Amino acid sequence: MTAQKKTTQYDAAEQAVNAALDAAENLAAQGAEAVDAAIATSEDALKEGWDKTQAYADEQAAAFKNGFGQAANLAQDNLTAAFSAAKQANQGWNAYTQQVMDYTKKAFAENVTMAGKFAAAKTPDEFISLQSEAADKAVNRVSAQARKLNDIALKSAAKTVQPLNKQYEKNLDTFAN
């Protein structure tokens, strides 16, 4: 009996060890599955995060490229408007100076003619009458010249500002949208 008792005890111990080994093996398998699942979940989350980051970076790069292109186009348009305004201002200045030169020539010719009349005056009354005529012509000539120069300046200013105003409105529309 003692031999059987020892065998039974030995069998019970072996069964206990085997049960412990099976439990440890089962626990290790479950731990490995948990680790594999955690790694897979981490990989999926990492891939999803990377994809979202890449999509955001692509979106931002496209927006930057588009914004840079718009800025370059606006800069070019602004420069074109400035050159157009400068051209209009130059044309206005040329018209203004041409009018001044024409006035100077006309005034000089009229003054030479008037000087001849003064030299030909024979009486003090005739001389005084010529002075009155010369003063009247000078006032009328200066007044007419001032109106002409003012008209040229106003038209030139309007033409000069026109391309700048158009570009300003275009810039406002671009930035408002």
Protein backbone atom coordinates (compact mmCIF):
# COMPACT_ATOMS: atom_id res chain seq x y z
CA MET A 1 0.00 0.00 0.00
CA THR A 2 2.68 2.25 0.65
CA ALA A 3 3.91 1.80 -2.86
CA GLN A 4 0.51 2.56 -4.18
CA LYS A 5 0.17 5.52 -1.89
CA LYS A 6 3.46 6.85 -3.16
CA THR A 7 2.39 6.35 -6.74
CA THR A 8 -0.89 8.08 -6.07
CA GLN A 9 0.92 10.97 -4.42
CA TYR A 10 3.40 11.01 -7.25
CA ASP A 11 0.55 11.03 -9.77
CA ALA A 12 -1.22 13.82 -7.89
CA ALA A 13 1.99 15.89 -7.82
CA GLU A 14 2.60 15.21 -11.48
CA GLN A 15 -0.94 16.21 -12.28
CA ALA A 16 -0.51 19.37 -10.22
CA VAL A 17 2.74 20.20 -12.01
CA ASN A 18 1.15 19.44 -15.37
CA ALA A 19 -1.88 21.57 -14.47
CA ALA A 20 0.46 24.38 -13.41
CA LEU A 21 2.42 24.02 -16.65
CA ASP A 22 -0.79 24.00 -18.68
CA ALA A 23 -2.00 27.07 -16.82
CA ALA A 24 1.36 28.82 -17.35
CA GLU A 25 1.35 27.83 -21.01
CA ASN A 26 -2.25 29.05 -21.37
CA LEU A 27 -1.37 32.29 -19.57
CA ALA A 28 1.70 32.79 -21.77
CA ALA A 29 -0.40 32.19 -24.90
CA GLN A 30 -3.00 34.69 -23.72
CA GLY A 31 -0.22 37.19 -22.87
CA ALA A 32 1.31 36.71 -26.33
CA GLU A 33 -2.11 37.23 -27.93
CA ALA A 34 -2.60 40.40 -25.87
CA VAL A 35 0.84 41.70 -26.84
CA ASP A 36 0.18 40.86 -30.51
CA ALA A 37 -3.19 42.61 -30.34
CA ALA A 38 -1.62 45.66 -28.66
CA ILE A 39 1.13 45.80 -31.28
CA ALA A 40 -1.40 45.45 -34.10
CA THR A 41 -3.58 48.18 -32.59
CA SER A 42 -0.55 50.41 -32.13
CA GLU A 43 0.56 49.80 -35.72
CA ASP A 44 -2.93 50.61 -36.99
CA ALA A 45 -3.12 53.78 -34.90
CA LEU A 46 0.36 54.80 -36.00
CA LYS A 47 -0.49 54.19 -39.67
CA GLU A 48 -3.77 56.12 -39.35
CA GLY A 49 -1.97 58.99 -37.60
CA TRP A 50 0.75 59.03 -40.27
CA ASP A 51 -1.84 59.01 -43.06
CA LYS A 52 -3.74 61.89 -41.45
CA THR A 53 -0.50 63.82 -40.91
CA GLN A 54 0.54 63.24 -44.52
CA ALA A 55 -2.88 64.33 -45.80
CA TYR A 56 -2.75 67.48 -43.65
CA ALA A 57 0.78 68.26 -44.82
CA ASP A 58 -0.28 67.78 -48.46
CA GLU A 59 -3.30 70.01 -47.91
CA GLN A 60 -1.18 72.73 -46.29
CA ALA A 61 1.45 72.50 -49.03
CA ALA A 62 -1.24 72.89 -51.69
CA ALA A 63 -2.76 75.84 -49.83
CA PHE A 64 0.69 77.45 -49.51
CA LYS A 65 1.42 76.88 -53.19
CA ASN A 66 -1.96 78.32 -54.15
CA GLY A 67 -1.52 81.30 -51.81
CA PHE A 68 2.00 81.93 -53.08
CA GLY A 69 0.73 81.80 -56.67
CA GLN A 70 -2.04 84.26 -55.87
CA ALA A 71 0.41 86.57 -54.12
CA ALA A 72 2.77 86.44 -57.10
CA ASN A 73 -0.10 87.19 -59.48
CA LEU A 74 -1.29 90.09 -57.32
CA ALA A 75 2.24 91.46 -57.11
CA GLN A 76 2.54 91.30 -60.89
CA ASP A 77 -0.86 92.95 -61.33
CA ASN A 78 0.06 95.64 -58.79
CA LEU A 79 3.30 96.33 -60.63
CA THR A 80 1.47 96.51 -63.96
CA ALA A 81 -1.05 98.96 -62.47
CA ALA A 82 1.78 101.08 -61.06
CA PHE A 83 3.54 101.20 -64.44
CA SER A 84 0.27 102.08 -66.15
CA ALA A 85 -0.31 104.87 -63.63
CA ALA A 86 3.24 106.14 -64.15
CA LYS A 87 2.71 106.12 -67.91
CA GLN A 88 -0.52 108.12 -67.52
CA ALA A 89 1.21 110.57 -65.18
CA ASN A 90 4.06 111.00 -67.67
CA GLN A 91 1.62 111.64 -70.51
CA GLY A 92 -0.19 114.20 -68.34
CA TRP A 93 3.09 115.90 -67.46
CA ASN A 94 4.07 116.02 -71.14
CA ALA A 95 0.70 117.57 -72.07
CA TYR A 96 1.07 120.07 -69.21
CA THR A 97 4.59 121.13 -70.19
CA GLN A 98 3.60 121.33 -73.86
CA GLN A 99 0.74 123.65 -72.93
CA VAL A 100 3.12 125.83 -70.89
CA MET A 101 5.55 126.00 -73.83
CA ASP A 102 2.73 126.87 -76.26
CA TYR A 103 1.51 129.57 -73.88
CA THR A 104 5.02 130.97 -73.50
CA LYS A 105 5.49 131.18 -77.28
CA LYS A 106 2.06 132.79 -77.77
CA ALA A 107 2.60 135.23 -74.89
CA PHE A 108 6.06 136.15 -76.18
CA ALA A 109 4.71 136.78 -79.70
CA GLU A 110 1.84 138.88 -78.32
CA ASN A 111 4.25 140.83 -76.10
CA VAL A 112 6.57 141.49 -79.06
CA THR A 113 3.60 142.74 -81.09
CA MET A 114 2.47 144.89 -78.16
CA ALA A 115 6.00 146.28 -77.74
CA GLY A 116 5.91 147.31 -81.38
CA LYS A 117 2.60 149.07 -80.78
CA PHE A 118 4.05 150.83 -77.72
CA ALA A 119 7.01 151.97 -79.80
CA ALA A 120 4.66 153.28 -82.50
CA ALA A 121 2.44 155.19 -80.03
CA LYS A 122 2.51 158.89 -80.79
CA THR A 123 0.49 160.33 -77.94
CA PRO A 124 0.26 159.71 -74.22
CA ASP A 125 -3.44 158.80 -74.62
CA GLU A 126 -2.58 156.20 -77.24
CA PHE A 127 0.16 154.83 -74.92
CA ILE A 128 -2.28 154.62 -71.96
CA SER A 129 -4.86 152.92 -74.18
CA LEU A 130 -2.26 150.36 -75.27
CA GLN A 131 -1.30 149.74 -71.62
CA SER A 132 -4.95 149.06 -70.83
CA GLU A 133 -5.25 146.75 -73.84
CA ALA A 134 -2.01 144.92 -72.90
CA ALA A 135 -3.16 144.46 -69.30
CA ASP A 136 -6.57 143.20 -70.43
CA LYS A 137 -5.00 140.71 -72.88
CA ALA A 138 -2.52 139.55 -70.24
CA VAL A 139 -5.25 138.94 -67.67
CA ASN A 140 -7.42 137.09 -70.20
CA ARG A 141 -4.44 135.09 -71.47
CA VAL A 142 -3.33 134.10 -67.94
CA SER A 143 -6.90 133.23 -66.93
CA ALA A 144 -7.42 131.06 -70.03
CA GLN A 145 -4.04 129.42 -69.51
CA ALA A 146 -4.85 128.65 -65.87
CA ARG A 147 -8.13 126.99 -66.94
CA LYS A 148 -6.32 124.91 -69.59
CA LEU A 149 -3.59 123.82 -67.17
CA ASN A 150 -6.15 122.99 -64.49
CA ASP A 151 -8.13 120.91 -67.00
CA ILE A 152 -4.99 119.03 -68.08
CA ALA A 153 -4.00 118.41 -64.45
CA LEU A 154 -7.47 117.11 -63.51
CA LYS A 155 -7.72 114.79 -66.51
CA SER A 156 -4.17 113.57 -65.96
CA ALA A 157 -4.83 112.88 -62.28
CA ALA A 158 -8.01 110.96 -63.10
CA LYS A 159 -6.23 108.85 -65.74
CA THR A 160 -3.27 108.26 -63.41
CA VAL A 161 -5.42 107.05 -60.52
CA GLN A 162 -7.73 104.88 -62.65
CA PRO A 163 -5.46 101.79 -63.00
CA LEU A 164 -4.53 102.01 -59.31
CA ASN A 165 -8.20 102.15 -58.28
CA LYS A 166 -9.04 99.14 -60.45
CA GLN A 167 -6.18 97.14 -58.94
CA TYR A 168 -7.12 98.23 -55.42
CA GLU A 169 -10.68 96.94 -55.96
CA LYS A 170 -9.32 93.69 -57.39
CA ASN A 171 -7.04 93.27 -54.35
CA LEU A 172 -9.96 93.90 -51.99
CA ASP A 173 -12.09 91.29 -53.77
CA THR A 174 -9.24 88.78 -53.64
CA PHE A 175 -8.61 89.22 -49.93
CA ALA A 176 -12.31 89.36 -49.05
CA ASN A 177 -12.90 85.93 -50.57
